[in-house]
C-alpha cells in the first residue's frame, strides 16, 4: 500500500511537470 501511494505521488509529480513544461512552451511561442 505504501508503495502504491509513493507510485501515485510520482505519477502526480510527473503530470505536474508535464503541465508546467507544456505551458512554458506555449509562453515561448
N, C-alpha and C. Protein backbone atom coordinates (compact mmCIF):
# COMPACT_ATOMS: atom_id res chain seq x y z
N UNK A 1 0.84 -1.21 0.00
CA UNK A 1 0.00 0.00 0.00
C UNK A 1 0.87 1.26 0.00
N UNK A 2 1.94 1.23 0.79
CA UNK A 2 2.85 2.39 0.83
C UNK A 2 3.50 2.58 -0.53
N UNK A 3 3.85 1.46 -1.17
CA UNK A 3 4.47 1.53 -2.50
C UNK A 3 3.52 2.17 -3.49
N UNK A 4 2.24 1.80 -3.41
CA UNK A 4 1.24 2.34 -4.33
C UNK A 4 1.09 3.84 -4.13
N UNK A 5 1.09 4.25 -2.86
CA UNK A 5 0.96 5.69 -2.57
C UNK A 5 2.15 6.45 -3.14
N UNK A 6 3.34 5.89 -2.97
CA UNK A 6 4.54 6.52 -3.49
C UNK A 6 4.49 6.59 -5.01
N UNK A 7 3.96 5.53 -5.63
CA UNK A 7 3.86 5.48 -7.08
C UNK A 7 2.90 6.56 -7.58
N UNK A 8 1.78 6.70 -6.90
CA UNK A 8 0.80 7.72 -7.28
C UNK A 8 1.40 9.11 -7.13
N UNK A 9 2.19 9.29 -6.08
CA UNK A 9 2.84 10.58 -5.85
C UNK A 9 3.79 10.90 -7.00
N UNK A 10 4.53 9.87 -7.44
CA UNK A 10 5.46 10.05 -8.55
C UNK A 10 4.72 10.40 -9.83
N UNK A 11 3.63 9.67 -10.10
CA UNK A 11 2.84 9.94 -11.30
C UNK A 11 2.29 11.35 -11.26
N UNK A 12 1.83 11.77 -10.10
CA UNK A 12 1.28 13.12 -9.94
C UNK A 12 2.35 14.17 -10.21
N UNK A 13 3.54 13.93 -9.69
CA UNK A 13 4.65 14.87 -9.89
C UNK A 13 5.01 14.95 -11.37
N UNK A 14 5.02 13.79 -12.04
CA UNK A 14 5.33 13.78 -13.47
C UNK A 14 4.28 14.54 -14.25
N UNK A 15 3.01 14.36 -13.86
CA UNK A 15 1.91 15.05 -14.53
C UNK A 15 2.06 16.55 -14.37
N UNK A 16 2.40 16.97 -13.15
CA UNK A 16 2.59 18.40 -12.87
C UNK A 16 3.74 18.96 -13.71
N UNK A 17 4.83 18.21 -13.78
CA UNK A 17 6.00 18.65 -14.55
C UNK A 17 5.63 18.78 -16.02
N UNK A 18 4.84 17.83 -16.51
CA UNK A 18 4.43 17.86 -17.92
C UNK A 18 3.58 19.10 -18.19
N UNK A 19 2.66 19.39 -17.28
CA UNK A 19 1.79 20.57 -17.43
C UNK A 19 2.63 21.84 -17.43
N UNK A 20 3.59 21.90 -16.51
CA UNK A 20 4.45 23.08 -16.42
C UNK A 20 5.25 23.25 -17.70
N UNK A 21 5.78 22.14 -18.20
CA UNK A 21 6.58 22.19 -19.42
C UNK A 21 5.72 22.64 -20.60
N UNK A 22 4.50 22.13 -20.68
CA UNK A 22 3.59 22.48 -21.77
C UNK A 22 3.27 23.96 -21.76
N UNK A 23 2.92 24.49 -20.60
CA UNK A 23 2.58 25.91 -20.50
C UNK A 23 3.80 26.77 -20.78
N UNK A 24 4.98 26.29 -20.38
CA UNK A 24 6.22 27.03 -20.63
C UNK A 24 6.47 27.13 -22.13
N UNK A 25 6.24 26.03 -22.84
CA UNK A 25 6.44 26.02 -24.29
C UNK A 25 5.43 26.95 -24.97
N UNK A 26 4.21 26.98 -24.46
CA UNK A 26 3.18 27.84 -25.04
C UNK A 26 3.54 29.30 -24.87
N UNK A 27 4.14 29.64 -23.73
CA UNK A 27 4.53 31.03 -23.46
C UNK A 27 5.64 31.44 -24.43
N UNK A 28 6.57 30.53 -24.70
CA UNK A 28 7.70 30.84 -25.57
C UNK A 28 7.27 31.09 -27.01
N UNK A 29 6.23 30.43 -27.45
CA UNK A 29 5.81 30.55 -28.86
C UNK A 29 5.18 31.89 -29.15
